[in-house]
Amino acid sequence: MADMRGKTCVITGATSGIGLRAAIGLAAAGARLVVIGRDRARGDAALARLRQAAPGVEVTIHYADLASLAELRRLASLLTDTVPRIDVLLNNAGAIYSRRSVTADGLERTFALNHMGYFVLTELLLGRLKDSAPARIVNVASDAHRGAELDFDDLQSERGYRAYKAYQRSKLCNILYTRGLARRLAGTGVTANCLHPGFVASRFGDDNGGLFAFALGLAKRFKGLSPEQGAQGAVYLATSPDAAAASGGYFDKGKPASPSPAAQDDQAAARLWQESARIAGLSG
């Protein structure tokens, strides 16, 4: 892990689980942290944990609902105004929902948070990232993408909703977006990579309650990695000199891996960017 003193890392979903453990690792390397959360109680606890683990860490926290397009725009504007440089953007916030619901923007919530949250925040911060080059974008994806296909006529799962299928598709979106983003960033000094963190025993899925959360909790208890283990791949991509030149890659346990054929479809990546930009009201 490189010395990160003088570097600023923006981390979403950083108040628990993988995001918090990644923040602790980056703080230990000397980075200045800008952490994004949604719940203020967990945010206060995360700040206390960070300061205990890395005394002297410079950390700022902001709160936003990353499933909301308006909140994403507000957050990006705030960060652009208050953060002079961004050396690492770690997109980590994500969730799985047992039942279909839609946001105020009319988007299915899994797609809105897990994909559009990454897409909009990254696109709106690209100027600051380019100005800070060399800089890195790290997207937390998942091996859950395997077996998924995108239906561009039903990105919002209106024709039938299954929680795991929606989650699979959102993680496929993460990989396709990273792949296309790396192409667009070639020559700018900004890299974009994504990773599979493993099946991690974090708060993931707990908010659903009922049998869904119970079954997921059992699986995490017997098969889950610790959040520390899950964060290692993200910290590696954010800091390691060995990963400095990598871009457009999918990593598992800190090593390059091959995602599914659907995740290597450059035409699908280009169409996903177009559809996402249309939804967000962004131009090329």
Protein backbone atom coordinates (compact mmCIF):
# COMPACT_ATOMS: atom_id res chain seq x y z
CA MET A 1 0.00 0.00 0.00
CA ALA A 2 1.41 3.37 -1.05
CA ASP A 3 1.83 6.36 1.21
CA MET A 4 -1.41 8.33 0.75
CA ARG A 5 -0.40 11.46 2.64
CA GLY A 6 -1.54 14.54 0.74
CA LYS A 7 -4.18 12.58 -1.16
CA THR A 8 -7.94 12.87 -0.79
CA CYS A 9 -10.27 9.88 -1.01
CA VAL A 10 -14.04 10.19 -1.42
CA ILE A 11 -15.87 7.05 -0.27
CA THR A 12 -19.59 6.34 -0.54
CA GLY A 13 -21.34 3.95 1.82
CA ALA A 14 -18.55 4.58 4.29
CA THR A 15 -20.39 4.41 7.62
CA SER A 16 -20.34 0.61 7.95
CA GLY A 17 -19.17 -2.62 6.37
CA ILE A 18 -16.76 -2.60 3.44
CA GLY A 19 -16.84 1.18 3.08
CA LEU A 20 -15.91 1.85 6.69
CA ARG A 21 -13.11 -0.75 6.65
CA ALA A 22 -11.76 0.69 3.40
CA ALA A 23 -11.86 4.15 4.96
CA ILE A 24 -9.88 2.85 7.96
CA GLY A 25 -7.28 1.33 5.64
CA LEU A 26 -6.93 4.53 3.61
CA ALA A 27 -6.73 6.63 6.77
CA ALA A 28 -3.97 4.38 8.08
CA ALA A 29 -2.05 5.14 4.87
CA GLY A 30 -2.35 8.86 5.60
CA ALA A 31 -5.17 9.85 3.24
CA ARG A 32 -7.58 12.70 3.88
CA LEU A 33 -11.09 11.24 3.84
CA VAL A 34 -14.40 12.56 2.59
CA VAL A 35 -16.96 9.95 3.58
CA ILE A 36 -20.55 9.78 2.39
CA GLY A 37 -23.32 8.22 4.44
CA ARG A 38 -27.09 8.30 4.82
CA ASP A 39 -27.73 7.71 8.52
CA ARG A 40 -26.41 10.29 10.98
CA ALA A 41 -26.21 7.91 13.95
CA ARG A 42 -24.07 5.48 11.96
CA GLY A 43 -22.11 8.45 10.65
CA ASP A 44 -21.25 9.61 14.16
CA ALA A 45 -20.21 6.07 15.10
CA ALA A 46 -18.09 5.78 11.95
CA LEU A 47 -16.28 9.04 12.67
CA ALA A 48 -15.49 7.84 16.19
CA ARG A 49 -14.24 4.51 14.84
CA LEU A 50 -12.05 6.21 12.23
CA ARG A 51 -10.51 8.58 14.75
CA GLN A 52 -9.83 5.71 17.13
CA ALA A 53 -8.23 3.56 14.42
CA ALA A 54 -6.23 6.38 12.83
CA PRO A 55 -5.60 9.20 15.33
CA GLY A 56 -5.07 12.49 13.54
CA VAL A 57 -6.99 11.43 10.43
CA GLU A 58 -8.49 14.37 8.55
CA VAL A 59 -12.06 13.34 7.79
CA THR A 60 -15.20 15.11 6.62
CA ILE A 61 -18.62 13.47 6.39
CA HIS A 62 -21.55 14.39 4.17
CA TYR A 63 -25.01 12.85 4.09
CA ALA A 64 -27.05 12.09 0.99
CA ASP A 65 -29.60 9.67 -0.41
CA LEU A 66 -27.61 8.28 -3.32
CA ALA A 67 -30.75 6.81 -4.90
CA SER A 68 -32.00 10.34 -5.58
CA LEU A 69 -30.86 12.18 -8.70
CA ALA A 70 -31.38 15.55 -7.01
CA GLU A 71 -29.34 14.46 -3.99
CA LEU A 72 -26.55 13.19 -6.22
CA ARG A 73 -26.41 16.52 -8.02
CA ARG A 74 -26.41 18.38 -4.71
CA LEU A 75 -23.64 16.20 -3.32
CA ALA A 76 -21.50 16.51 -6.45
CA SER A 77 -21.87 20.30 -6.38
CA LEU A 78 -20.95 20.38 -2.68
CA LEU A 79 -17.88 18.23 -3.24
CA THR A 80 -16.79 20.29 -6.23
CA ASP A 81 -17.08 23.46 -4.14
CA THR A 82 -15.37 22.15 -1.00
CA VAL A 83 -12.86 19.46 -2.02
CA PRO A 84 -9.87 20.96 -3.87
CA ARG A 85 -8.70 17.61 -5.24
CA ILE A 86 -9.97 14.04 -5.49
CA ASP A 87 -7.28 11.41 -5.87
CA VAL A 88 -9.57 8.42 -5.31
CA LEU A 89 -13.32 8.06 -5.76
CA LEU A 90 -14.49 4.80 -4.21
CA ASN A 91 -18.09 4.01 -5.17
CA ASN A 92 -19.25 1.45 -2.63
CA ALA A 93 -22.80 2.28 -1.50
CA GLY A 94 -25.29 -0.40 -2.51
CA ALA A 95 -28.19 -2.51 -1.36
CA ILE A 96 -30.59 -5.33 -2.18
CA TYR A 97 -34.36 -4.95 -1.73
CA SER A 98 -36.72 -7.84 -1.14
CA ARG A 99 -39.62 -5.96 -2.73
CA ARG A 100 -39.75 -3.64 -5.71
CA SER A 101 -40.08 0.05 -4.92
CA VAL A 102 -39.45 3.18 -6.93
CA THR A 103 -37.72 6.43 -6.08
CA ALA A 104 -39.15 9.93 -6.49
CA ASP A 105 -37.51 9.88 -9.93
CA GLY A 106 -39.56 6.83 -10.91
CA LEU A 107 -36.55 4.50 -10.90
CA GLU A 108 -36.48 1.02 -9.43
CA ARG A 109 -34.52 1.47 -6.23
CA THR A 110 -31.83 -1.20 -6.81
CA PHE A 111 -30.98 0.28 -10.21
CA ALA A 112 -31.16 3.81 -8.80
CA LEU A 113 -28.77 3.25 -5.90
CA ASN A 114 -26.43 0.55 -7.16
CA HIS A 115 -25.95 1.86 -10.69
CA MET A 116 -27.18 5.43 -11.06
CA GLY A 117 -25.57 6.35 -7.75
CA TYR A 118 -22.19 5.36 -9.17
CA PHE A 119 -22.87 6.80 -12.61
CA VAL A 120 -24.15 10.25 -11.71
CA LEU A 121 -21.68 11.01 -8.92
CA THR A 122 -18.73 9.85 -11.02
CA GLU A 123 -19.77 11.72 -14.15
CA LEU A 124 -20.30 14.95 -12.20
CA LEU A 125 -16.91 14.64 -10.46
CA LEU A 126 -14.88 13.76 -13.56
CA GLY A 127 -13.65 17.32 -13.98
CA ARG A 128 -12.21 17.39 -10.47
CA LEU A 129 -10.71 13.91 -10.90
CA LYS A 130 -9.03 14.91 -14.16
CA ASP A 131 -7.66 18.07 -12.54
CA SER A 132 -6.21 15.87 -9.77
CA ALA A 133 -4.60 13.31 -12.10
CA PRO A 134 -3.15 10.82 -11.57
CA ALA A 135 -6.41 9.76 -9.95
CA ARG A 136 -8.35 6.53 -9.54
CA ILE A 137 -12.00 5.50 -9.66
CA VAL A 138 -12.80 2.24 -7.88
CA ASN A 139 -16.26 0.70 -8.23
CA VAL A 140 -17.38 -2.12 -5.94
CA ALA A 141 -19.15 -4.64 -8.17
CA SER A 142 -19.76 -8.34 -7.47
CA ASP A 143 -19.43 -11.82 -8.91
CA ALA A 144 -23.21 -11.87 -8.50
CA HIS A 145 -23.29 -10.33 -11.98
CA ARG A 146 -22.65 -13.76 -13.50
CA GLY A 147 -25.74 -15.10 -15.24
CA ALA A 148 -27.32 -11.66 -15.60
CA GLU A 149 -28.28 -9.96 -18.85
CA LEU A 150 -29.52 -6.40 -19.31
CA ASP A 151 -32.96 -5.85 -20.81
CA PHE A 152 -32.79 -2.30 -22.12
CA ASP A 153 -36.55 -2.33 -22.63
CA ASP A 154 -37.07 -3.05 -18.92
CA LEU A 155 -34.19 -1.54 -16.92
CA GLN A 156 -36.64 -0.73 -14.11
CA SER A 157 -37.85 -4.33 -13.67
CA GLU A 158 -41.47 -3.42 -14.34
CA ARG A 159 -42.25 -6.73 -16.05
CA GLY A 160 -41.41 -8.80 -13.02
CA TYR A 161 -39.23 -8.22 -10.02
CA ARG A 162 -36.98 -10.63 -8.18
CA ALA A 163 -34.62 -9.17 -5.61
CA TYR A 164 -31.53 -11.16 -6.51
CA LYS A 165 -32.07 -10.75 -10.26
CA ALA A 166 -32.33 -6.97 -9.85
CA TYR A 167 -29.17 -7.01 -7.76
CA GLN A 168 -27.34 -9.13 -10.35
CA ARG A 169 -28.25 -6.69 -13.09
CA SER A 170 -27.11 -3.72 -11.05
CA LYS A 171 -23.70 -5.31 -10.51
CA LEU A 172 -23.49 -6.09 -14.23
CA CYS A 173 -24.15 -2.38 -14.78
CA ASN A 174 -21.22 -1.54 -12.49
CA ILE A 175 -18.82 -3.60 -14.58
CA LEU A 176 -20.12 -2.37 -17.93
CA TYR A 177 -19.98 1.22 -16.74
CA THR A 178 -16.41 0.79 -15.49
CA ARG A 179 -15.36 -0.78 -18.76
CA GLY A 180 -16.81 2.03 -20.87
CA LEU A 181 -15.57 4.71 -18.48
CA ALA A 182 -12.00 3.47 -18.73
CA ARG A 183 -12.17 3.81 -22.51
CA ARG A 184 -13.42 7.38 -22.28
CA LEU A 185 -10.74 8.29 -19.73
CA ALA A 186 -7.81 6.92 -21.73
CA GLY A 187 -5.00 9.46 -21.78
CA THR A 188 -6.42 11.64 -18.98
CA GLY A 189 -4.41 10.17 -16.12
CA VAL A 190 -7.59 8.90 -14.44
CA THR A 191 -8.13 5.15 -14.22
CA ALA A 192 -11.32 3.20 -13.54
CA ASN A 193 -11.47 -0.35 -12.19
CA CYS A 194 -14.02 -2.51 -10.40
CA LEU A 195 -13.85 -5.48 -8.08
CA HIS A 196 -15.61 -8.39 -6.48
CA PRO A 197 -15.21 -7.96 -2.69
CA GLY A 198 -16.46 -11.45 -1.83
CA PHE A 199 -19.58 -12.38 0.10
CA VAL A 200 -19.18 -10.17 3.15
CA ALA A 201 -20.89 -10.38 6.52
CA SER A 202 -21.86 -6.70 6.75
CA ARG A 203 -25.17 -4.85 7.21
CA PHE A 204 -25.97 -5.65 3.58
CA GLY A 205 -29.64 -6.60 3.23
CA ASP A 206 -30.46 -6.24 6.92
CA ASP A 207 -32.93 -3.39 6.42
CA ASN A 208 -35.35 -5.68 4.56
CA GLY A 209 -36.42 -7.53 7.69
CA GLY A 210 -38.49 -10.70 7.73
CA LEU A 211 -37.54 -14.04 6.23
CA PHE A 212 -35.40 -12.41 3.53
CA ALA A 213 -33.09 -10.76 6.06
CA PHE A 214 -33.10 -13.89 8.25
CA ALA A 215 -31.99 -16.14 5.39
CA LEU A 216 -29.36 -13.65 4.27
CA GLY A 217 -28.13 -13.35 7.86
CA LEU A 218 -27.69 -17.11 8.14
CA ALA A 219 -25.70 -17.19 4.92
CA LYS A 220 -23.47 -14.37 6.13
CA ARG A 221 -22.95 -16.08 9.47
CA PHE A 222 -21.70 -19.32 7.96
CA LYS A 223 -20.17 -18.19 4.66
CA GLY A 224 -19.45 -14.48 4.97
CA LEU A 225 -16.06 -12.84 4.93
CA SER A 226 -15.28 -10.15 7.46
CA PRO A 227 -15.69 -6.53 6.32
CA GLU A 228 -11.92 -6.17 6.71
CA GLN A 229 -11.39 -8.98 4.22
CA GLY A 230 -13.99 -7.53 1.87
CA ALA A 231 -12.32 -4.12 1.88
CA GLN A 232 -8.86 -5.38 0.94
CA GLY A 233 -9.50 -5.40 -2.80
CA ALA A 234 -10.83 -1.85 -2.81
CA VAL A 235 -7.88 -0.55 -0.78
CA TYR A 236 -5.50 -2.35 -3.13
CA LEU A 237 -7.00 -0.72 -6.23
CA ALA A 238 -7.08 2.67 -4.52
CA THR A 239 -3.48 2.64 -3.32
CA SER A 240 -1.21 0.00 -4.76
CA PRO A 241 1.56 1.10 -7.14
CA ASP A 242 1.03 -2.23 -8.89
CA ALA A 243 -2.49 -1.11 -9.89
CA ALA A 244 -1.51 2.39 -10.98
CA ALA A 245 -1.59 1.63 -14.71
CA ALA A 246 -4.57 -0.71 -14.68
CA SER A 247 -7.83 0.59 -16.10
CA GLY A 248 -11.04 -1.05 -17.22
CA GLY A 249 -10.29 -4.16 -15.20
CA TYR A 250 -12.34 -6.45 -13.00
CA PHE A 251 -10.46 -7.70 -9.94
CA ASP A 252 -11.00 -10.49 -7.43
CA LYS A 253 -8.81 -10.75 -4.33
CA GLY A 254 -6.48 -8.11 -5.75
CA LYS A 255 -5.88 -10.00 -9.00
CA PRO A 256 -7.30 -9.39 -12.49
CA ALA A 257 -10.25 -11.69 -13.24
CA SER A 258 -12.52 -12.28 -16.21
CA PRO A 259 -16.12 -11.15 -15.73
CA SER A 260 -18.97 -12.82 -17.59
CA PRO A 261 -19.27 -12.48 -21.38
CA ALA A 262 -22.23 -10.12 -20.84
CA ALA A 263 -19.95 -7.87 -18.77
CA GLN A 264 -17.46 -7.66 -21.67
CA ASP A 265 -20.03 -6.45 -24.24
CA ASP A 266 -18.77 -3.05 -25.37
CA GLN A 267 -21.97 -2.31 -27.30
CA ALA A 268 -24.01 -2.92 -24.15
CA ALA A 269 -21.60 -0.68 -22.20
CA ALA A 270 -22.08 2.14 -24.71
CA ARG A 271 -25.86 1.76 -24.67
CA LEU A 272 -25.94 1.67 -20.88
CA TRP A 273 -24.02 4.96 -20.78
CA GLN A 274 -26.49 6.53 -23.22
CA GLU A 275 -29.54 5.31 -21.29
CA SER A 276 -28.05 6.37 -17.96
CA ALA A 277 -27.13 9.81 -19.28
CA ARG A 278 -30.65 10.23 -20.65
CA ILE A 279 -32.21 9.26 -17.31
CA ALA A 280 -29.88 11.63 -15.41
CA GLY A 281 -30.23 14.47 -17.91
CA LEU A 282 -26.50 14.52 -18.65
CA SER A 283 -24.92 15.18 -22.01
CA GLY A 284 -21.83 13.57 -23.48
